[in-house]
Amino acid sequence: MKKMLIWLPALALAFLTFQCAQEAPKTNEAPVAESEEDLVKRGEYLVTTGGCEDCHSPKVMTDKGPIPDPKLRMSGHPASVKLAPISDPSIVGPWVLFHPMTTASVGPWGTTYSANLTPHETGIKEWSFEQFKKAITEGKSKGLDGGRPLLPPMPWQNYVNMKDEDLTAIFAFLKSLPPVDNLVPSPVPPVQ
């Protein structure tokens, strides 16, 4: 009886090892493509967890602090919101200053405004996926060869190796948003 109890676990382990080593049955079916709705949902998930709204969505103040304004989601720095002049330009060198909505920042690179990423003419309406990919993975403004570099605090260097399927999902989500008419101001060189 004792010998049988010793061999039973060994046989079970051998059987499991054999079963796990077997190839899955092959079928002629192609993988199921993600639906447009699922693609947009995954894009929203990536945008939300990636912190994109931290800079690209204007905020409204709540009792829990600032949250993205759902009516202006991903529309960039509001063109109508002007930045106050910096009273002491010498603090900009060692510091980075953010507008309370976190859609504009000032640092040694100058003043930058987060882009409108909604499908409006003032945003990404006319952008191709390839332009979007070039902007995100190569840091090119508007995804154009020869365009100026994207400026801080845009962390495009973090997205250099992003997979096309993730970029496709993000692009699908952005294109699904309501278009917001908002021509974001151009960057301003640093104060000398």
C-alpha atoms as a PDB file:
ATOM      1  CA  MET A   1       0.000   0.000   0.000  1.00  0.00           C
ATOM      2  CA  LYS A   2       2.844   2.387   0.904  1.00  0.00           C
ATOM      3  CA  LYS A   3       4.549   1.718  -2.444  1.00  0.00           C
ATOM      4  CA  MET A   4       1.311   2.513  -4.269  1.00  0.00           C
ATOM      5  CA  LEU A   5       0.940   5.833  -2.381  1.00  0.00           C
ATOM      6  CA  ILE A   6       4.467   6.802  -3.394  1.00  0.00           C
ATOM      7  CA  TRP A   7       3.926   5.970  -7.091  1.00  0.00           C
ATOM      8  CA  LEU A   8       0.513   7.665  -7.414  1.00  0.00           C
ATOM      9  CA  PRO A   9       1.837  11.237  -7.120  1.00  0.00           C
ATOM     10  CA  ALA A  10       4.710  10.414  -9.497  1.00  0.00           C
ATOM     11  CA  LEU A  11       2.283   9.004 -12.070  1.00  0.00           C
ATOM     12  CA  ALA A  12      -0.015  11.998 -11.708  1.00  0.00           C
ATOM     13  CA  LEU A  13       2.922  14.378 -12.208  1.00  0.00           C
ATOM     14  CA  ALA A  14       4.088  12.450 -15.287  1.00  0.00           C
ATOM     15  CA  PHE A  15       0.544  12.521 -16.737  1.00  0.00           C
ATOM     16  CA  LEU A  16       0.211  16.285 -16.151  1.00  0.00           C
ATOM     17  CA  THR A  17       3.630  16.936 -17.693  1.00  0.00           C
ATOM     18  CA  PHE A  18       2.650  14.897 -20.758  1.00  0.00           C
ATOM     19  CA  GLN A  19      -0.702  16.719 -21.092  1.00  0.00           C
ATOM     20  CA  CYS A  20       0.867  20.175 -20.778  1.00  0.00           C
ATOM     21  CA  ALA A  21       3.462  19.328 -23.414  1.00  0.00           C
ATOM     22  CA  GLN A  22       0.795  18.465 -25.992  1.00  0.00           C
ATOM     23  CA  GLU A  23       0.168  21.090 -28.689  1.00  0.00           C
ATOM     24  CA  ALA A  24      -3.181  22.793 -28.726  1.00  0.00           C
ATOM     25  CA  PRO A  25      -5.372  21.533 -31.531  1.00  0.00           C
ATOM     26  CA  LYS A  26      -4.951  23.633 -34.664  1.00  0.00           C
ATOM     27  CA  THR A  27      -7.936  25.133 -36.374  1.00  0.00           C
ATOM     28  CA  ASN A  28      -8.337  26.940 -39.649  1.00  0.00           C
ATOM     29  CA  GLU A  29     -10.129  29.810 -37.942  1.00  0.00           C
ATOM     30  CA  ALA A  30      -8.499  33.231 -37.991  1.00  0.00           C
ATOM     31  CA  PRO A  31      -8.223  35.044 -34.649  1.00  0.00           C
ATOM     32  CA  VAL A  32     -11.326  37.025 -33.813  1.00  0.00           C
ATOM     33  CA  ALA A  33     -10.766  40.687 -34.649  1.00  0.00           C
ATOM     34  CA  GLU A  34     -11.488  43.231 -31.964  1.00  0.00           C
ATOM     35  CA  SER A  35     -14.739  45.103 -32.606  1.00  0.00           C
ATOM     36  CA  GLU A  36     -14.567  48.884 -33.074  1.00  0.00           C
ATOM     37  CA  GLU A  37     -16.365  49.297 -29.738  1.00  0.00           C
ATOM     38  CA  ASP A  38     -13.832  47.075 -27.950  1.00  0.00           C
ATOM     39  CA  LEU A  39     -10.958  48.911 -29.643  1.00  0.00           C
ATOM     40  CA  VAL A  40     -12.302  52.280 -28.456  1.00  0.00           C
ATOM     41  CA  LYS A  41     -12.806  50.939 -24.915  1.00  0.00           C
ATOM     42  CA  ARG A  42      -9.246  49.635 -24.810  1.00  0.00           C
ATOM     43  CA  GLY A  43      -8.008  52.976 -26.137  1.00  0.00           C
ATOM     44  CA  GLU A  44      -9.911  54.792 -23.399  1.00  0.00           C
ATOM     45  CA  TYR A  45      -8.386  52.445 -20.830  1.00  0.00           C
ATOM     46  CA  LEU A  46      -4.871  53.154 -22.143  1.00  0.00           C
ATOM     47  CA  VAL A  47      -5.458  56.930 -22.212  1.00  0.00           C
ATOM     48  CA  THR A  48      -6.874  56.907 -18.688  1.00  0.00           C
ATOM     49  CA  THR A  49      -4.216  54.690 -17.116  1.00  0.00           C
ATOM     50  CA  GLY A  50      -1.453  56.377 -19.106  1.00  0.00           C
ATOM     51  CA  GLY A  51      -2.287  59.752 -17.559  1.00  0.00           C
ATOM     52  CA  CYS A  52      -2.956  61.480 -20.895  1.00  0.00           C
ATOM     53  CA  GLU A  53      -5.837  63.467 -19.412  1.00  0.00           C
ATOM     54  CA  ASP A  54      -3.524  64.882 -16.742  1.00  0.00           C
ATOM     55  CA  CYS A  55      -2.279  67.352 -19.351  1.00  0.00           C
ATOM     56  CA  HIS A  56      -4.632  67.132 -22.338  1.00  0.00           C
ATOM     57  CA  SER A  57      -7.979  67.622 -20.550  1.00  0.00           C
ATOM     58  CA  PRO A  58      -8.962  70.949 -18.942  1.00  0.00           C
ATOM     59  CA  LYS A  59     -10.076  70.514 -15.341  1.00  0.00           C
ATOM     60  CA  VAL A  60     -13.043  71.501 -13.223  1.00  0.00           C
ATOM     61  CA  MET A  61     -12.714  71.864  -9.489  1.00  0.00           C
ATOM     62  CA  THR A  62     -14.695  69.529  -7.243  1.00  0.00           C
ATOM     63  CA  ASP A  63     -14.777  68.914  -3.517  1.00  0.00           C
ATOM     64  CA  LYS A  64     -12.191  66.167  -4.191  1.00  0.00           C
ATOM     65  CA  GLY A  65      -9.919  68.433  -6.232  1.00  0.00           C
ATOM     66  CA  PRO A  66      -9.578  68.969  -9.984  1.00  0.00           C
ATOM     67  CA  ILE A  67     -10.983  66.385 -12.398  1.00  0.00           C
ATOM     68  CA  PRO A  68     -11.070  66.329 -16.211  1.00  0.00           C
ATOM     69  CA  ASP A  69     -13.943  68.390 -17.605  1.00  0.00           C
ATOM     70  CA  PRO A  70     -16.104  65.808 -19.425  1.00  0.00           C
ATOM     71  CA  LYS A  71     -17.263  68.435 -21.969  1.00  0.00           C
ATOM     72  CA  LEU A  72     -13.670  69.342 -22.898  1.00  0.00           C
ATOM     73  CA  ARG A  73     -12.067  65.922 -22.672  1.00  0.00           C
ATOM     74  CA  MET A  74      -8.678  65.760 -24.452  1.00  0.00           C
ATOM     75  CA  SER A  75      -9.158  69.226 -26.007  1.00  0.00           C
ATOM     76  CA  GLY A  76      -5.853  70.658 -24.739  1.00  0.00           C
ATOM     77  CA  HIS A  77      -5.212  74.016 -23.138  1.00  0.00           C
ATOM     78  CA  PRO A  78      -8.238  76.285 -23.662  1.00  0.00           C
ATOM     79  CA  ALA A  79      -7.286  79.065 -26.092  1.00  0.00           C
ATOM     80  CA  SER A  80      -9.367  81.503 -24.036  1.00  0.00           C
ATOM     81  CA  VAL A  81      -7.330  80.892 -20.850  1.00  0.00           C
ATOM     82  CA  LYS A  82      -4.327  83.209 -20.803  1.00  0.00           C
ATOM     83  CA  LEU A  83      -1.362  82.589 -18.540  1.00  0.00           C
ATOM     84  CA  ALA A  84      -0.439  85.206 -15.968  1.00  0.00           C
ATOM     85  CA  PRO A  85       2.956  86.823 -16.526  1.00  0.00           C
ATOM     86  CA  ILE A  86       5.791  85.377 -14.485  1.00  0.00           C
ATOM     87  CA  SER A  87       6.818  88.047 -11.989  1.00  0.00           C
ATOM     88  CA  ASP A  88      10.306  86.631 -11.463  1.00  0.00           C
ATOM     89  CA  PRO A  89      11.692  84.893 -14.597  1.00  0.00           C
ATOM     90  CA  SER A  90      14.757  83.709 -12.638  1.00  0.00           C
ATOM     91  CA  ILE A  91      12.658  81.015 -10.908  1.00  0.00           C
ATOM     92  CA  VAL A  92      11.894  79.290 -14.222  1.00  0.00           C
ATOM     93  CA  GLY A  93      15.407  77.809 -14.573  1.00  0.00           C
ATOM     94  CA  PRO A  94      15.301  75.554 -11.509  1.00  0.00           C
ATOM     95  CA  TRP A  95      11.507  75.154 -11.494  1.00  0.00           C
ATOM     96  CA  VAL A  96       8.731  73.960 -13.754  1.00  0.00           C
ATOM     97  CA  LEU A  97       5.451  75.796 -13.346  1.00  0.00           C
ATOM     98  CA  PHE A  98       2.057  74.337 -14.248  1.00  0.00           C
ATOM     99  CA  HIS A  99      -1.238  76.094 -14.832  1.00  0.00           C
ATOM    100  CA  PRO A 100      -3.841  74.919 -12.269  1.00  0.00           C
ATOM    101  CA  MET A 101      -5.611  72.966 -15.053  1.00  0.00           C
ATOM    102  CA  THR A 102      -2.228  71.299 -15.831  1.00  0.00           C
ATOM    103  CA  THR A 103      -2.775  72.037 -19.528  1.00  0.00           C
ATOM    104  CA  ALA A 104       0.102  74.544 -19.769  1.00  0.00           C
ATOM    105  CA  SER A 105       3.594  74.575 -18.339  1.00  0.00           C
ATOM    106  CA  VAL A 106       6.596  76.876 -18.182  1.00  0.00           C
ATOM    107  CA  GLY A 107      10.162  75.650 -17.856  1.00  0.00           C
ATOM    108  CA  PRO A 108      13.640  76.148 -19.272  1.00  0.00           C
ATOM    109  CA  TRP A 109      12.239  75.160 -22.718  1.00  0.00           C
ATOM    110  CA  GLY A 110       9.718  78.030 -22.646  1.00  0.00           C
ATOM    111  CA  THR A 111       5.945  77.842 -22.373  1.00  0.00           C
ATOM    112  CA  THR A 112       4.064  74.863 -23.751  1.00  0.00           C
ATOM    113  CA  TYR A 113       0.375  74.162 -24.127  1.00  0.00           C
ATOM    114  CA  SER A 114      -1.094  70.680 -24.348  1.00  0.00           C
ATOM    115  CA  ALA A 115      -2.511  69.824 -27.755  1.00  0.00           C
ATOM    116  CA  ASN A 116      -6.147  69.391 -28.751  1.00  0.00           C
ATOM    117  CA  LEU A 117      -6.486  65.657 -29.436  1.00  0.00           C
ATOM    118  CA  THR A 118     -10.179  65.676 -30.367  1.00  0.00           C
ATOM    119  CA  PRO A 119     -11.357  65.006 -33.948  1.00  0.00           C
ATOM    120  CA  HIS A 120     -11.927  68.698 -34.728  1.00  0.00           C
ATOM    121  CA  GLU A 121     -10.145  70.760 -37.413  1.00  0.00           C
ATOM    122  CA  THR A 122      -8.206  72.434 -34.579  1.00  0.00           C
ATOM    123  CA  GLY A 123      -7.245  68.976 -33.263  1.00  0.00           C
ATOM    124  CA  ILE A 124      -6.473  65.691 -34.999  1.00  0.00           C
ATOM    125  CA  LYS A 125      -9.401  65.501 -37.437  1.00  0.00           C
ATOM    126  CA  GLU A 126      -7.183  65.352 -40.534  1.00  0.00           C
ATOM    127  CA  TRP A 127      -4.425  63.258 -38.962  1.00  0.00           C
ATOM    128  CA  SER A 128      -3.648  59.823 -40.333  1.00  0.00           C
ATOM    129  CA  PHE A 129      -2.691  56.968 -38.038  1.00  0.00           C
ATOM    130  CA  GLU A 130       0.882  57.264 -39.339  1.00  0.00           C
ATOM    131  CA  GLN A 131       1.018  60.932 -38.275  1.00  0.00           C
ATOM    132  CA  PHE A 132      -0.289  60.013 -34.840  1.00  0.00           C
ATOM    133  CA  LYS A 133       2.273  57.233 -34.514  1.00  0.00           C
ATOM    134  CA  LYS A 134       5.120  59.556 -35.591  1.00  0.00           C
ATOM    135  CA  ALA A 135       4.031  62.197 -33.073  1.00  0.00           C
ATOM    136  CA  ILE A 136       3.818  59.709 -30.198  1.00  0.00           C
ATOM    137  CA  THR A 137       6.854  57.545 -30.962  1.00  0.00           C
ATOM    138  CA  GLU A 138       9.211  60.055 -32.622  1.00  0.00           C
ATOM    139  CA  GLY A 139       8.206  63.280 -30.859  1.00  0.00           C
ATOM    140  CA  LYS A 140       7.306  65.184 -34.042  1.00  0.00           C
ATOM    141  CA  SER A 141       4.727  67.979 -33.808  1.00  0.00           C
ATOM    142  CA  LYS A 142       1.599  67.035 -35.762  1.00  0.00           C
ATOM    143  CA  GLY A 143       3.413  63.853 -36.773  1.00  0.00           C
ATOM    144  CA  LEU A 144       5.125  65.638 -39.659  1.00  0.00           C
ATOM    145  CA  ASP A 145       8.649  64.979 -40.893  1.00  0.00           C
ATOM    146  CA  GLY A 146      10.649  68.129 -40.335  1.00  0.00           C
ATOM    147  CA  GLY A 147       8.159  69.331 -37.709  1.00  0.00           C
ATOM    148  CA  ARG A 148       9.394  70.874 -34.510  1.00  0.00           C
ATOM    149  CA  PRO A 149      10.045  68.475 -31.636  1.00  0.00           C
ATOM    150  CA  LEU A 150       7.327  67.915 -29.063  1.00  0.00           C
ATOM    151  CA  LEU A 151       8.305  69.892 -25.990  1.00  0.00           C
ATOM    152  CA  PRO A 152       8.177  68.989 -22.303  1.00  0.00           C
ATOM    153  CA  PRO A 153       6.318  67.909 -20.368  1.00  0.00           C
ATOM    154  CA  MET A 154       5.094  65.584 -23.172  1.00  0.00           C
ATOM    155  CA  PRO A 155       6.846  62.293 -22.331  1.00  0.00           C
ATOM    156  CA  TRP A 156       6.950  60.957 -25.902  1.00  0.00           C
ATOM    157  CA  GLN A 157      10.238  59.153 -25.140  1.00  0.00           C
ATOM    158  CA  ASN A 158       8.222  56.801 -22.906  1.00  0.00           C
ATOM    159  CA  TYR A 159       6.150  55.681 -25.903  1.00  0.00           C
ATOM    160  CA  VAL A 160       8.938  54.943 -28.414  1.00  0.00           C
ATOM    161  CA  ASN A 161       8.378  51.186 -28.218  1.00  0.00           C
ATOM    162  CA  MET A 162       4.598  51.250 -27.924  1.00  0.00           C
ATOM    163  CA  LYS A 163       2.947  48.473 -29.919  1.00  0.00           C
ATOM    164  CA  ASP A 164       0.925  49.391 -32.996  1.00  0.00           C
ATOM    165  CA  GLU A 165      -2.165  47.668 -31.564  1.00  0.00           C
ATOM    166  CA  ASP A 166      -2.047  49.963 -28.507  1.00  0.00           C
ATOM    167  CA  LEU A 167      -1.476  53.049 -30.642  1.00  0.00           C
ATOM    168  CA  THR A 168      -4.351  51.966 -32.901  1.00  0.00           C
ATOM    169  CA  ALA A 169      -6.655  51.622 -29.885  1.00  0.00           C
ATOM    170  CA  ILE A 170      -5.674  55.045 -28.514  1.00  0.00           C
ATOM    171  CA  PHE A 171      -6.153  56.645 -31.944  1.00  0.00           C
ATOM    172  CA  ALA A 172      -9.593  54.996 -32.289  1.00  0.00           C
ATOM    173  CA  PHE A 173     -10.600  56.331 -28.866  1.00  0.00           C
ATOM    174  CA  LEU A 174      -9.436  59.871 -29.660  1.00  0.00           C
ATOM    175  CA  LYS A 175     -11.281  59.820 -33.000  1.00  0.00           C
ATOM    176  CA  SER A 176     -14.456  58.712 -31.146  1.00  0.00           C
ATOM    177  CA  LEU A 177     -14.516  61.761 -28.849  1.00  0.00           C
ATOM    178  CA  PRO A 178     -16.825  64.705 -29.469  1.00  0.00           C
ATOM    179  CA  PRO A 179     -14.891  67.324 -31.489  1.00  0.00           C
ATOM    180  CA  VAL A 180     -13.972  70.448 -29.530  1.00  0.00           C
ATOM    181  CA  ASP A 181     -13.212  73.707 -31.355  1.00  0.00           C
ATOM    182  CA  ASN A 182     -10.064  74.829 -29.547  1.00  0.00           C
ATOM    183  CA  LEU A 183      -7.046  76.267 -31.341  1.00  0.00           C
ATOM    184  CA  VAL A 184      -4.330  75.791 -28.736  1.00  0.00           C
ATOM    185  CA  PRO A 185      -1.694  78.563 -28.562  1.00  0.00           C
ATOM    186  CA  SER A 186       1.741  77.875 -30.061  1.00  0.00           C
ATOM    187  CA  PRO A 187       4.709  77.309 -27.743  1.00  0.00           C
ATOM    188  CA  VAL A 188       6.569  80.386 -26.545  1.00  0.00           C
ATOM    189  CA  PRO A 189      10.380  80.407 -26.412  1.00  0.00           C
ATOM    190  CA  PRO A 190      12.009  80.834 -22.990  1.00  0.00           C
ATOM    191  CA  VAL A 191      12.313  84.296 -21.449  1.00  0.00           C
ATOM    192  CA  GLN A 192      15.882  85.552 -21.818  1.00  0.00           C
END
